[in-house]
């Protein structure tokens, strides 16, 4: 996994935690930290999380061999 993909995964996790907080507690952590949903800094964070999600979307279609996972081979005995 490349450094860009790791950063994208971290941002996606942050976004998922933020959405969980919104869903369970109606609390937007990004807006609380960076000055509301309309502040330019919050909008940058939201945009970066969205781009990170698109980058991670490519992981769904990548073969397992490229991800470093190998399936155990079934023996015919």
PDB file of N, CA and C in Angstrom:
ATOM      1  N   UNK A   1       0.845  -1.164   0.000  1.00  0.00           N
ATOM      2  CA  UNK A   1       0.000   0.000   0.000  1.00  0.00           C
ATOM      3  C   UNK A   1       0.900   1.239   0.000  1.00  0.00           C
ATOM      4  N   UNK A   2       0.606   2.145  -0.901  1.00  0.00           N
ATOM      5  CA  UNK A   2       1.445   3.336  -1.020  1.00  0.00           C
ATOM      6  C   UNK A   2       1.126   4.344   0.086  1.00  0.00           C
ATOM      7  N   UNK A   3       1.988   5.325   0.230  1.00  0.00           N
ATOM      8  CA  UNK A   3       1.808   6.360   1.239  1.00  0.00           C
ATOM      9  C   UNK A   3       0.530   7.148   0.976  1.00  0.00           C
ATOM     10  N   UNK A   4       0.245   7.447  -0.292  1.00  0.00           N
ATOM     11  CA  UNK A   4      -0.977   8.166  -0.649  1.00  0.00           C
ATOM     12  C   UNK A   4      -2.215   7.372  -0.227  1.00  0.00           C
ATOM     13  N   UNK A   5      -2.194   6.062  -0.440  1.00  0.00           N
ATOM     14  CA  UNK A   5      -3.326   5.235  -0.053  1.00  0.00           C
ATOM     15  C   UNK A   5      -3.481   5.167   1.464  1.00  0.00           C
ATOM     16  N   UNK A   6      -2.381   5.152   2.188  1.00  0.00           N
ATOM     17  CA  UNK A   6      -2.457   5.139   3.652  1.00  0.00           C
ATOM     18  C   UNK A   6      -3.041   6.451   4.179  1.00  0.00           C
ATOM     19  N   UNK A   7      -2.630   7.565   3.601  1.00  0.00           N
ATOM     20  CA  UNK A   7      -3.178   8.866   4.001  1.00  0.00           C
ATOM     21  C   UNK A   7      -4.667   8.921   3.657  1.00  0.00           C
ATOM     22  N   UNK A   8      -5.014   8.434   2.477  1.00  0.00           N
ATOM     23  CA  UNK A   8      -6.418   8.408   2.070  1.00  0.00           C
ATOM     24  C   UNK A   8      -7.241   7.530   3.003  1.00  0.00           C
ATOM     25  N   UNK A   9      -6.682   6.399   3.405  1.00  0.00           N
ATOM     26  CA  UNK A   9      -7.390   5.512   4.332  1.00  0.00           C
ATOM     27  C   UNK A   9      -7.585   6.196   5.683  1.00  0.00           C
ATOM     28  N   UNK A  10      -6.581   6.892   6.176  1.00  0.00           N
ATOM     29  CA  UNK A  10      -6.700   7.618   7.440  1.00  0.00           C
ATOM     30  C   UNK A  10      -7.791   8.685   7.350  1.00  0.00           C
ATOM     31  N   UNK A  11      -7.801   9.447   6.267  1.00  0.00           N
ATOM     32  CA  UNK A  11      -8.831  10.477   6.096  1.00  0.00           C
ATOM     33  C   UNK A  11     -10.221   9.864   5.977  1.00  0.00           C
ATOM     34  N   UNK A  12     -10.319   8.721   5.328  1.00  0.00           N
ATOM     35  CA  UNK A  12     -11.604   8.043   5.211  1.00  0.00           C
ATOM     36  C   UNK A  12     -12.094   7.572   6.578  1.00  0.00           C
ATOM     37  N   UNK A  13     -11.197   7.079   7.392  1.00  0.00           N
ATOM     38  CA  UNK A  13     -11.561   6.658   8.749  1.00  0.00           C
ATOM     39  C   UNK A  13     -12.019   7.861   9.572  1.00  0.00           C
ATOM     40  N   UNK A  14     -11.323   8.975   9.455  1.00  0.00           N
ATOM     41  CA  UNK A  14     -11.735  10.201  10.149  1.00  0.00           C
ATOM     42  C   UNK A  14     -13.129  10.615   9.702  1.00  0.00           C
ATOM     43  N   UNK A  15     -13.377  10.545   8.406  1.00  0.00           N
ATOM     44  CA  UNK A  15     -14.702  10.880   7.885  1.00  0.00           C
ATOM     45  C   UNK A  15     -15.775   9.933   8.400  1.00  0.00           C
ATOM     46  N   UNK A  16     -15.457   8.647   8.480  1.00  0.00           N
ATOM     47  CA  UNK A  16     -16.419   7.668   8.986  1.00  0.00           C
ATOM     48  C   UNK A  16     -16.736   7.924  10.460  1.00  0.00           C
ATOM     49  N   UNK A  17     -15.727   8.261  11.239  1.00  0.00           N
ATOM     50  CA  UNK A  17     -15.957   8.580  12.656  1.00  0.00           C
ATOM     51  C   UNK A  17     -16.828   9.826  12.773  1.00  0.00           C
ATOM     52  N   UNK A  18     -16.555  10.830  11.947  1.00  0.00           N
ATOM     53  CA  UNK A  18     -17.355  12.047  11.975  1.00  0.00           C
ATOM     54  C   UNK A  18     -18.808  11.757  11.615  1.00  0.00           C
ATOM     55  N   UNK A  19     -19.025  10.941  10.576  1.00  0.00           N
ATOM     56  CA  UNK A  19     -20.405  10.579  10.200  1.00  0.00           C
ATOM     57  C   UNK A  19     -21.081   9.770  11.298  1.00  0.00           C
ATOM     58  N   UNK A  20     -20.334   8.923  11.976  1.00  0.00           N
ATOM     59  CA  UNK A  20     -20.895   8.181  13.107  1.00  0.00           C
ATOM     60  C   UNK A  20     -21.341   9.115  14.224  1.00  0.00           C
ATOM     61  N   UNK A  21     -20.524  10.107  14.516  1.00  0.00           N
ATOM     62  CA  UNK A  21     -20.896  11.090  15.536  1.00  0.00           C
ATOM     63  C   UNK A  21     -22.135  11.885  15.130  1.00  0.00           C
ATOM     64  N   UNK A  22     -22.222  12.219  13.854  1.00  0.00           N
ATOM     65  CA  UNK A  22     -23.402  12.939  13.368  1.00  0.00           C
ATOM     66  C   UNK A  22     -24.638  12.053  13.488  1.00  0.00           C
ATOM     67  N   UNK A  23     -24.513  10.804  13.096  1.00  0.00           N
ATOM     68  CA  UNK A  23     -25.654   9.901  13.128  1.00  0.00           C
ATOM     69  C   UNK A  23     -26.121   9.564  14.524  1.00  0.00           C
ATOM     70  N   UNK A  24     -25.203   9.310  15.435  1.00  0.00           N
ATOM     71  CA  UNK A  24     -25.579   8.895  16.783  1.00  0.00           C
ATOM     72  C   UNK A  24     -25.884  10.062  17.717  1.00  0.00           C
ATOM     73  N   UNK A  25     -25.137  11.160  17.585  1.00  0.00           N
ATOM     74  CA  UNK A  25     -25.229  12.241  18.570  1.00  0.00           C
ATOM     75  C   UNK A  25     -25.556  13.608  17.965  1.00  0.00           C
ATOM     76  N   UNK A  26     -25.752  13.682  16.653  1.00  0.00           N
ATOM     77  CA  UNK A  26     -25.981  14.954  15.959  1.00  0.00           C
ATOM     78  C   UNK A  26     -24.878  15.965  16.287  1.00  0.00           C
ATOM     79  N   UNK A  27     -23.636  15.461  16.286  1.00  0.00           N
ATOM     80  CA  UNK A  27     -22.480  16.297  16.603  1.00  0.00           C
ATOM     81  C   UNK A  27     -21.473  16.182  15.473  1.00  0.00           C
ATOM     82  N   UNK A  28     -21.191  17.292  14.819  1.00  0.00           N
ATOM     83  CA  UNK A  28     -20.225  17.338  13.716  1.00  0.00           C
ATOM     84  C   UNK A  28     -18.878  17.786  14.285  1.00  0.00           C
ATOM     85  N   UNK A  29     -17.968  16.824  14.482  1.00  0.00           N
ATOM     86  CA  UNK A  29     -16.676  17.105  15.096  1.00  0.00           C
ATOM     87  C   UNK A  29     -15.833  18.045  14.237  1.00  0.00           C
ATOM     88  N   UNK A  30     -15.840  17.839  12.932  1.00  0.00           N
ATOM     89  CA  UNK A  30     -15.050  18.697  12.035  1.00  0.00           C
ATOM     90  C   UNK A  30     -15.530  20.139  12.140  1.00  0.00           C
ATOM     91  N   UNK A  31     -16.840  20.331  12.124  1.00  0.00           N
ATOM     92  CA  UNK A  31     -17.391  21.688  12.231  1.00  0.00           C
ATOM     93  C   UNK A  31     -17.070  22.296  13.593  1.00  0.00           C
ATOM     94  N   UNK A  32     -17.118  21.474  14.642  1.00  0.00           N
ATOM     95  CA  UNK A  32     -16.830  21.985  15.987  1.00  0.00           C
ATOM     96  C   UNK A  32     -15.375  22.421  16.123  1.00  0.00           C
ATOM     97  N   UNK A  33     -14.477  21.667  15.516  1.00  0.00           N
ATOM     98  CA  UNK A  33     -13.050  21.993  15.639  1.00  0.00           C
ATOM     99  C   UNK A  33     -12.656  23.165  14.750  1.00  0.00           C
ATOM    100  N   UNK A  34     -13.203  23.195  13.518  1.00  0.00           N
ATOM    101  CA  UNK A  34     -12.716  24.168  12.532  1.00  0.00           C
ATOM    102  C   UNK A  34     -13.658  25.334  12.272  1.00  0.00           C
ATOM    103  N   UNK A  35     -14.629  25.575  13.151  1.00  0.00           N
ATOM    104  CA  UNK A  35     -15.407  26.811  13.056  1.00  0.00           C
ATOM    105  C   UNK A  35     -16.698  26.738  12.282  1.00  0.00           C
ATOM    106  N   UNK A  36     -17.373  25.617  12.280  1.00  0.00           N
ATOM    107  CA  UNK A  36     -18.666  25.502  11.602  1.00  0.00           C
ATOM    108  C   UNK A  36     -18.535  24.909  10.211  1.00  0.00           C
ATOM    109  N   UNK A  37     -19.690  24.452   9.702  1.00  0.00           N
ATOM    110  CA  UNK A  37     -19.688  23.797   8.391  1.00  0.00           C
ATOM    111  C   UNK A  37     -19.374  24.755   7.251  1.00  0.00           C
ATOM    112  N   UNK A  38     -19.628  26.035   7.437  1.00  0.00           N
ATOM    113  CA  UNK A  38     -19.424  27.005   6.361  1.00  0.00           C
ATOM    114  C   UNK A  38     -18.030  27.616   6.337  1.00  0.00           C
ATOM    115  N   UNK A  39     -17.189  27.307   7.324  1.00  0.00           N
ATOM    116  CA  UNK A  39     -15.845  27.886   7.320  1.00  0.00           C
ATOM    117  C   UNK A  39     -15.015  27.243   6.211  1.00  0.00           C
ATOM    118  N   UNK A  40     -14.086  27.986   5.698  1.00  0.00           N
ATOM    119  CA  UNK A  40     -13.285  27.501   4.576  1.00  0.00           C
ATOM    120  C   UNK A  40     -12.427  26.310   4.990  1.00  0.00           C
ATOM    121  N   UNK A  41     -11.974  26.288   6.244  1.00  0.00           N
ATOM    122  CA  UNK A  41     -11.137  25.185   6.709  1.00  0.00           C
ATOM    123  C   UNK A  41     -11.942  23.884   6.810  1.00  0.00           C
ATOM    124  N   UNK A  42     -13.176  23.978   7.306  1.00  0.00           N
ATOM    125  CA  UNK A  42     -14.036  22.794   7.354  1.00  0.00           C
ATOM    126  C   UNK A  42     -14.321  22.275   5.960  1.00  0.00           C
ATOM    127  N   UNK A  43     -14.572  23.165   5.031  1.00  0.00           N
ATOM    128  CA  UNK A  43     -14.864  22.747   3.657  1.00  0.00           C
ATOM    129  C   UNK A  43     -13.659  22.053   3.021  1.00  0.00           C
ATOM    130  N   UNK A  44     -12.457  22.495   3.364  1.00  0.00           N
ATOM    131  CA  UNK A  44     -11.250  21.826   2.867  1.00  0.00           C
ATOM    132  C   UNK A  44     -11.155  20.414   3.441  1.00  0.00           C
ATOM    133  N   UNK A  45     -11.418  20.271   4.747  1.00  0.00           N
ATOM    134  CA  UNK A  45     -11.382  18.949   5.376  1.00  0.00           C
ATOM    135  C   UNK A  45     -12.415  18.032   4.744  1.00  0.00           C
ATOM    136  N   UNK A  46     -13.648  18.529   4.587  1.00  0.00           N
ATOM    137  CA  UNK A  46     -14.698  17.722   3.949  1.00  0.00           C
ATOM    138  C   UNK A  46     -14.292  17.309   2.532  1.00  0.00           C
ATOM    139  N   UNK A  47     -13.681  18.220   1.792  1.00  0.00           N
ATOM    140  CA  UNK A  47     -13.251  17.917   0.418  1.00  0.00           C
ATOM    141  C   UNK A  47     -12.149  16.865   0.405  1.00  0.00           C
ATOM    142  N   UNK A  48     -11.183  16.992   1.315  1.00  0.00           N
ATOM    143  CA  UNK A  48     -10.099  16.008   1.391  1.00  0.00           C
ATOM    144  C   UNK A  48     -10.626  14.620   1.748  1.00  0.00           C
ATOM    145  N   UNK A  49     -11.595  14.562   2.664  1.00  0.00           N
ATOM    146  CA  UNK A  49     -12.194  13.274   3.021  1.00  0.00           C
ATOM    147  C   UNK A  49     -12.922  12.681   1.823  1.00  0.00           C
ATOM    148  N   UNK A  50     -13.619  13.501   1.066  1.00  0.00           N
ATOM    149  CA  UNK A  50     -14.307  13.024  -0.127  1.00  0.00           C
ATOM    150  C   UNK A  50     -13.351  12.495  -1.186  1.00  0.00           C
ATOM    151  N   UNK A  51     -12.261  13.206  -1.416  1.00  0.00           N
ATOM    152  CA  UNK A  51     -11.244  12.753  -2.367  1.00  0.00           C
ATOM    153  C   UNK A  51     -10.606  11.459  -1.889  1.00  0.00           C
ATOM    154  N   UNK A  52     -10.364  11.368  -0.575  1.00  0.00           N
ATOM    155  CA  UNK A  52      -9.786  10.151  -0.003  1.00  0.00           C
ATOM    156  C   UNK A  52     -10.713   8.958  -0.228  1.00  0.00           C
ATOM    157  N   UNK A  53     -12.008   9.177  -0.096  1.00  0.00           N
ATOM    158  CA  UNK A  53     -12.956   8.106  -0.361  1.00  0.00           C
ATOM    159  C   UNK A  53     -12.885   7.633  -1.798  1.00  0.00           C
ATOM    160  N   UNK A  54     -12.725   8.549  -2.730  1.00  0.00           N
ATOM    161  CA  UNK A  54     -12.598   8.166  -4.144  1.00  0.00           C
ATOM    162  C   UNK A  54     -11.311   7.387  -4.391  1.00  0.00           C
ATOM    163  N   UNK A  55     -10.227   7.787  -3.734  1.00  0.00           N
ATOM    164  CA  UNK A  55      -8.971   7.057  -3.881  1.00  0.00           C
ATOM    165  C   UNK A  55      -9.121   5.638  -3.342  1.00  0.00           C
ATOM    166  N   UNK A  56      -9.776   5.515  -2.191  1.00  0.00           N
ATOM    167  CA  UNK A  56      -9.965   4.188  -1.589  1.00  0.00           C
ATOM    168  C   UNK A  56     -10.944   3.329  -2.365  1.00  0.00           C
ATOM    169  N   UNK A  57     -11.800   3.943  -3.144  1.00  0.00           N
ATOM    170  CA  UNK A  57     -12.734   3.192  -3.978  1.00  0.00           C
ATOM    171  C   UNK A  57     -11.986   2.274  -4.942  1.00  0.00           C
ATOM    172  N   UNK A  58     -10.824   2.710  -5.383  1.00  0.00           N
ATOM    173  CA  UNK A  58     -10.012   1.899  -6.292  1.00  0.00           C
ATOM    174  C   UNK A  58      -9.546   0.607  -5.636  1.00  0.00           C
ATOM    175  N   UNK A  59      -9.429   0.599  -4.299  1.00  0.00           N
ATOM    176  CA  UNK A  59      -8.991  -0.613  -3.604  1.00  0.00           C
ATOM    177  C   UNK A  59      -9.992  -1.753  -3.756  1.00  0.00           C
ATOM    178  N   UNK A  60     -11.252  -1.432  -3.956  1.00  0.00           N
ATOM    179  CA  UNK A  60     -12.276  -2.474  -4.122  1.00  0.00           C
ATOM    180  C   UNK A  60     -12.048  -3.308  -5.372  1.00  0.00           C
ATOM    181  N   UNK A  61     -11.479  -2.704  -6.382  1.00  0.00           N
ATOM    182  CA  UNK A  61     -11.335  -3.364  -7.668  1.00  0.00           C
ATOM    183  C   UNK A  61      -9.920  -3.861  -7.944  1.00  0.00           C
ATOM    184  N   UNK A  62      -9.052  -3.757  -6.957  1.00  0.00           N
ATOM    185  CA  UNK A  62      -7.673  -4.210  -7.107  1.00  0.00           C
ATOM    186  C   UNK A  62      -7.591  -5.701  -6.759  1.00  0.00           C
ATOM    187  N   UNK A  63      -6.899  -6.475  -7.572  1.00  0.00           N
ATOM    188  CA  UNK A  63      -6.764  -7.910  -7.258  1.00  0.00           C
ATOM    189  C   UNK A  63      -6.077  -8.130  -5.913  1.00  0.00           C
ATOM    190  N   UNK A  64      -6.403  -9.235  -5.252  1.00  0.00           N
ATOM    191  CA  UNK A  64      -5.863  -9.537  -3.932  1.00  0.00           C
ATOM    192  C   UNK A  64      -4.336  -9.636  -3.952  1.00  0.00           C
ATOM    193  N   UNK A  65      -3.762 -10.105  -5.052  1.00  0.00           N
ATOM    194  CA  UNK A  65      -2.306 -10.247  -5.144  1.00  0.00           C
ATOM    195  C   UNK A  65      -1.618  -8.893  -5.010  1.00  0.00           C
ATOM    196  N   UNK A  66      -2.222  -7.848  -5.558  1.00  0.00           N
ATOM    197  CA  UNK A  66      -1.626  -6.526  -5.487  1.00  0.00           C
ATOM    198  C   UNK A  66      -1.731  -5.926  -4.093  1.00  0.00           C
ATOM    199  N   UNK A  67      -2.692  -6.372  -3.316  1.00  0.00           N
ATOM    200  CA  UNK A  67      -2.877  -5.854  -1.971  1.00  0.00           C
ATOM    201  C   UNK A  67      -1.996  -6.553  -0.953  1.00  0.00           C
ATOM    202  N   UNK A  68      -1.260  -7.592  -1.384  1.00  0.00           N
ATOM    203  CA  UNK A  68      -0.375  -8.295  -0.487  1.00  0.00           C
ATOM    204  C   UNK A  68      -1.023  -9.470   0.206  1.00  0.00           C
ATOM    205  N   UNK A  69      -2.269  -9.751  -0.136  1.00  0.00           N
ATOM    206  CA  UNK A  69      -2.954 -10.888   0.460  1.00  0.00           C
ATOM    207  C   UNK A  69      -2.889 -12.060  -0.499  1.00  0.00           C
ATOM    208  N   UNK A  70      -2.655 -13.188   0.037  1.00  0.00           N
ATOM    209  CA  UNK A  70      -2.688 -14.397  -0.779  1.00  0.00           C
ATOM    210  C   UNK A  70      -3.629 -15.379  -0.125  1.00  0.00           C
ATOM    211  N   UNK A  71      -4.440 -16.005  -0.928  1.00  0.00           N
ATOM    212  CA  UNK A  71      -5.378 -16.994  -0.437  1.00  0.00           C
ATOM    213  C   UNK A  71      -4.645 -18.312  -0.259  1.00  0.00           C
ATOM    214  N   UNK A  72      -4.960 -19.072   0.788  1.00  0.00           N
ATOM    215  CA  UNK A  72      -4.315 -20.376   0.943  1.00  0.00           C
ATOM    216  C   UNK A  72      -4.752 -21.317  -0.177  1.00  0.00           C
ATOM    217  N   UNK A  73      -3.789 -22.045  -0.683  1.00  0.00           N
ATOM    218  CA  UNK A  73      -4.074 -22.972  -1.773  1.00  0.00           C
ATOM    219  C   UNK A  73      -4.631 -24.267  -1.209  1.00  0.00           C
ATOM    220  N   UNK A  74      -5.692 -24.731  -1.819  1.00  0.00           N
ATOM    221  CA  UNK A  74      -6.301 -25.994  -1.386  1.00  0.00           C
ATOM    222  C   UNK A  74      -5.470 -27.158  -1.950  1.00  0.00           C
ATOM    223  N   UNK A  75      -5.175 -28.091  -1.090  1.00  0.00           N
ATOM    224  CA  UNK A  75      -4.405 -29.244  -1.560  1.00  0.00           C
ATOM    225  C   UNK A  75      -5.363 -30.329  -2.013  1.00  0.00           C
ATOM    226  N   UNK A  76      -4.940 -31.094  -2.997  1.00  0.00           N
ATOM    227  CA  UNK A  76      -5.765 -32.181  -3.552  1.00  0.00           C
ATOM    228  C   UNK A  76      -5.226 -33.514  -3.083  1.00  0.00           C
ATOM    229  N   UNK A  77      -5.442 -33.824  -1.849  1.00  0.00           N
ATOM    230  CA  UNK A  77      -4.962 -35.115  -1.344  1.00  0.00           C
ATOM    231  C   UNK A  77      -6.103 -35.975  -0.889  1.00  0.00           C
TER     232      UNK A  77
END
